[in-house]
Amino acid sequence: MSDTSKQRPPAEAPKRGDAAWRAAREAVAGRNDQARKLGRERRDRRNEQHAAAARAADLHERTELAKRRP
């Protein structure tokens, strides 16, 4: 008698030929999509920070100019 709790499902056969090429191509495309998304998020975050800093500098400049006005 054998213990069925230790049985493993059969391993998937490695892909060959066109199937392997397609799988590799899809993996690269997936990594590229993920990198593009991450880059977009980083650029958006940096642009938002830059815009906030510019607004703060503009507000500061306006208040300084308003103080100088007689």
N, C-alpha and C. Protein backbone atom coordinates (compact mmCIF):
# COMPACT_ATOMS: atom_id res chain seq x y z
N MET A 1 0.83 -1.18 0.00
CA MET A 1 0.00 0.00 0.00
C MET A 1 0.87 1.24 0.00
N SER A 2 0.40 2.24 -0.70
CA SER A 2 1.15 3.48 -0.75
C SER A 2 0.33 4.59 -0.10
N ASP A 3 1.04 5.54 0.44
CA ASP A 3 0.40 6.68 1.09
C ASP A 3 0.05 7.72 0.03
N THR A 4 -1.23 8.01 -0.14
CA THR A 4 -1.65 8.94 -1.19
C THR A 4 -1.41 10.39 -0.81
N SER A 5 -1.20 10.69 0.46
CA SER A 5 -0.98 12.07 0.87
C SER A 5 0.39 12.59 0.43
N LYS A 6 1.31 11.67 0.10
CA LYS A 6 2.65 12.08 -0.32
C LYS A 6 2.79 12.14 -1.84
N GLN A 7 1.74 11.77 -2.55
CA GLN A 7 1.82 11.80 -4.00
C GLN A 7 1.76 13.24 -4.49
N ARG A 8 2.57 13.51 -5.48
CA ARG A 8 2.60 14.84 -6.07
C ARG A 8 1.95 14.79 -7.44
N PRO A 9 1.35 15.89 -7.85
CA PRO A 9 0.80 15.90 -9.20
C PRO A 9 1.95 15.83 -10.21
N PRO A 10 1.70 15.27 -11.35
CA PRO A 10 2.78 15.15 -12.35
C PRO A 10 3.29 16.53 -12.74
N ALA A 11 4.60 16.63 -12.89
CA ALA A 11 5.21 17.91 -13.25
C ALA A 11 4.87 18.23 -14.70
N GLU A 12 4.73 19.52 -14.97
CA GLU A 12 4.43 19.95 -16.32
C GLU A 12 5.66 19.75 -17.20
N ALA A 13 5.45 19.23 -18.36
CA ALA A 13 6.58 19.01 -19.27
C ALA A 13 7.12 20.36 -19.75
N PRO A 14 8.42 20.49 -19.88
CA PRO A 14 8.97 21.77 -20.33
C PRO A 14 8.52 22.05 -21.76
N LYS A 15 8.31 23.32 -22.03
CA LYS A 15 7.86 23.71 -23.36
C LYS A 15 9.03 23.66 -24.32
N ARG A 16 8.70 23.37 -25.57
CA ARG A 16 9.75 23.26 -26.58
C ARG A 16 9.32 24.01 -27.83
N GLY A 17 10.28 24.42 -28.60
CA GLY A 17 10.01 25.03 -29.90
C GLY A 17 9.24 26.33 -29.80
N ASP A 18 8.19 26.44 -30.61
CA ASP A 18 7.40 27.67 -30.67
C ASP A 18 6.73 27.98 -29.33
N ALA A 19 6.31 26.96 -28.62
CA ALA A 19 5.65 27.19 -27.32
C ALA A 19 6.62 27.83 -26.33
N ALA A 20 7.86 27.38 -26.34
CA ALA A 20 8.86 27.96 -25.44
C ALA A 20 9.16 29.39 -25.85
N TRP A 21 9.24 29.62 -27.16
CA TRP A 21 9.52 30.98 -27.66
C TRP A 21 8.38 31.92 -27.28
N ARG A 22 7.13 31.47 -27.45
CA ARG A 22 5.98 32.31 -27.08
C ARG A 22 5.95 32.58 -25.59
N ALA A 23 6.25 31.57 -24.79
CA ALA A 23 6.24 31.74 -23.33
C ALA A 23 7.31 32.75 -22.92
N ALA A 24 8.49 32.67 -23.51
CA ALA A 24 9.56 33.62 -23.19
C ALA A 24 9.17 35.01 -23.63
N ARG A 25 8.59 35.13 -24.81
CA ARG A 25 8.16 36.43 -25.33
C ARG A 25 7.10 37.06 -24.43
N GLU A 26 6.14 36.26 -23.98
CA GLU A 26 5.09 36.76 -23.10
C GLU A 26 5.67 37.17 -21.74
N ALA A 27 6.65 36.43 -21.26
CA ALA A 27 7.28 36.79 -19.98
C ALA A 27 7.99 38.13 -20.10
N VAL A 28 8.70 38.34 -21.20
CA VAL A 28 9.39 39.62 -21.42
C VAL A 28 8.37 40.74 -21.53
N ALA A 29 7.30 40.51 -22.28
CA ALA A 29 6.27 41.53 -22.44
C ALA A 29 5.63 41.87 -21.10
N GLY A 30 5.41 40.88 -20.27
CA GLY A 30 4.85 41.14 -18.94
C GLY A 30 5.78 41.97 -18.07
N ARG A 31 7.07 41.64 -18.12
CA ARG A 31 8.03 42.43 -17.34
C ARG A 31 8.11 43.86 -17.87
N ASN A 32 8.06 44.02 -19.19
CA ASN A 32 8.09 45.36 -19.78
C ASN A 32 6.86 46.17 -19.36
N ASP A 33 5.70 45.54 -19.36
CA ASP A 33 4.48 46.24 -18.94
C ASP A 33 4.59 46.68 -17.48
N GLN A 34 5.12 45.82 -16.65
CA GLN A 34 5.28 46.14 -15.24
C GLN A 34 6.27 47.29 -15.06
N ALA A 35 7.37 47.26 -15.80
CA ALA A 35 8.37 48.32 -15.70
C ALA A 35 7.80 49.65 -16.20
N ARG A 36 7.02 49.59 -17.28
CA ARG A 36 6.38 50.81 -17.80
C ARG A 36 5.44 51.41 -16.77
N LYS A 37 4.65 50.56 -16.13
CA LYS A 37 3.69 51.03 -15.12
C LYS A 37 4.42 51.66 -13.94
N LEU A 38 5.48 51.01 -13.48
CA LEU A 38 6.26 51.54 -12.37
C LEU A 38 6.90 52.87 -12.74
N GLY A 39 7.44 52.97 -13.95
CA GLY A 39 8.05 54.22 -14.40
C GLY A 39 7.04 55.34 -14.49
N ARG A 40 5.85 55.03 -14.99
CA ARG A 40 4.79 56.03 -15.09
C ARG A 40 4.40 56.54 -13.70
N GLU A 41 4.25 55.61 -12.75
CA GLU A 41 3.89 56.00 -11.38
C GLU A 41 4.97 56.89 -10.77
N ARG A 42 6.24 56.53 -10.99
CA ARG A 42 7.33 57.35 -10.45
C ARG A 42 7.34 58.73 -11.08
N ARG A 43 7.15 58.81 -12.40
CA ARG A 43 7.13 60.12 -13.07
C ARG A 43 5.96 60.96 -12.57
N ASP A 44 4.79 60.34 -12.43
CA ASP A 44 3.62 61.08 -11.94
C ASP A 44 3.86 61.62 -10.54
N ARG A 45 4.44 60.77 -9.69
CA ARG A 45 4.72 61.20 -8.31
C ARG A 45 5.71 62.36 -8.31
N ARG A 46 6.78 62.26 -9.11
CA ARG A 46 7.79 63.31 -9.19
C ARG A 46 7.19 64.60 -9.75
N ASN A 47 6.33 64.49 -10.77
CA ASN A 47 5.69 65.66 -11.34
C ASN A 47 4.75 66.33 -10.34
N GLU A 48 4.03 65.53 -9.57
CA GLU A 48 3.14 66.09 -8.54
C GLU A 48 3.95 66.83 -7.48
N GLN A 49 5.07 66.26 -7.06
CA GLN A 49 5.91 66.92 -6.07
C GLN A 49 6.49 68.22 -6.62
N HIS A 50 6.90 68.20 -7.89
CA HIS A 50 7.45 69.40 -8.52
C HIS A 50 6.38 70.49 -8.60
N ALA A 51 5.16 70.11 -8.99
CA ALA A 51 4.07 71.08 -9.09
C ALA A 51 3.72 71.64 -7.71
N ALA A 52 3.72 70.81 -6.69
CA ALA A 52 3.42 71.29 -5.34
C ALA A 52 4.50 72.26 -4.86
N ALA A 53 5.76 71.95 -5.15
CA ALA A 53 6.85 72.84 -4.76
C ALA A 53 6.75 74.17 -5.51
N ALA A 54 6.37 74.14 -6.79
CA ALA A 54 6.22 75.36 -7.56
C ALA A 54 5.06 76.21 -7.03
N ARG A 55 3.96 75.55 -6.65
CA ARG A 55 2.83 76.29 -6.07
C ARG A 55 3.22 76.93 -4.75
N ALA A 56 3.95 76.19 -3.93
CA ALA A 56 4.40 76.72 -2.64
C ALA A 56 5.34 77.91 -2.84
N ALA A 57 6.24 77.81 -3.79
CA ALA A 57 7.18 78.91 -4.06
C ALA A 57 6.42 80.12 -4.59
N ASP A 58 5.45 79.90 -5.44
CA ASP A 58 4.64 81.01 -5.97
C ASP A 58 3.86 81.68 -4.86
N LEU A 59 3.26 80.91 -3.98
CA LEU A 59 2.51 81.46 -2.85
C LEU A 59 3.43 82.27 -1.95
N HIS A 60 4.61 81.73 -1.68
CA HIS A 60 5.58 82.44 -0.84
C HIS A 60 5.97 83.77 -1.48
N GLU A 61 6.23 83.73 -2.78
CA GLU A 61 6.62 84.95 -3.48
C GLU A 61 5.50 85.98 -3.45
N ARG A 62 4.27 85.54 -3.63
CA ARG A 62 3.14 86.48 -3.59
C ARG A 62 2.98 87.11 -2.21
N THR A 63 3.14 86.31 -1.17
CA THR A 63 3.00 86.89 0.18
C THR A 63 4.13 87.88 0.47
N GLU A 64 5.33 87.59 0.00
CA GLU A 64 6.47 88.52 0.19
C GLU A 64 6.22 89.81 -0.57
N LEU A 65 5.71 89.74 -1.78
CA LEU A 65 5.42 90.93 -2.56
C LEU A 65 4.28 91.73 -1.94
N ALA A 66 3.30 91.03 -1.38
CA ALA A 66 2.17 91.72 -0.73
C ALA A 66 2.65 92.46 0.52
N LYS A 67 3.64 91.96 1.22
CA LYS A 67 4.17 92.62 2.42
C LYS A 67 4.91 93.89 2.04
N ARG A 68 5.54 93.93 0.89
CA ARG A 68 6.31 95.09 0.47
C ARG A 68 5.42 96.22 -0.05
N ARG A 69 4.25 95.90 -0.45
CA ARG A 69 3.35 96.88 -1.05
C ARG A 69 2.87 97.85 0.03
N PRO A 70 2.90 99.16 -0.27
CA PRO A 70 2.45 100.13 0.75
C PRO A 70 0.95 100.17 0.97
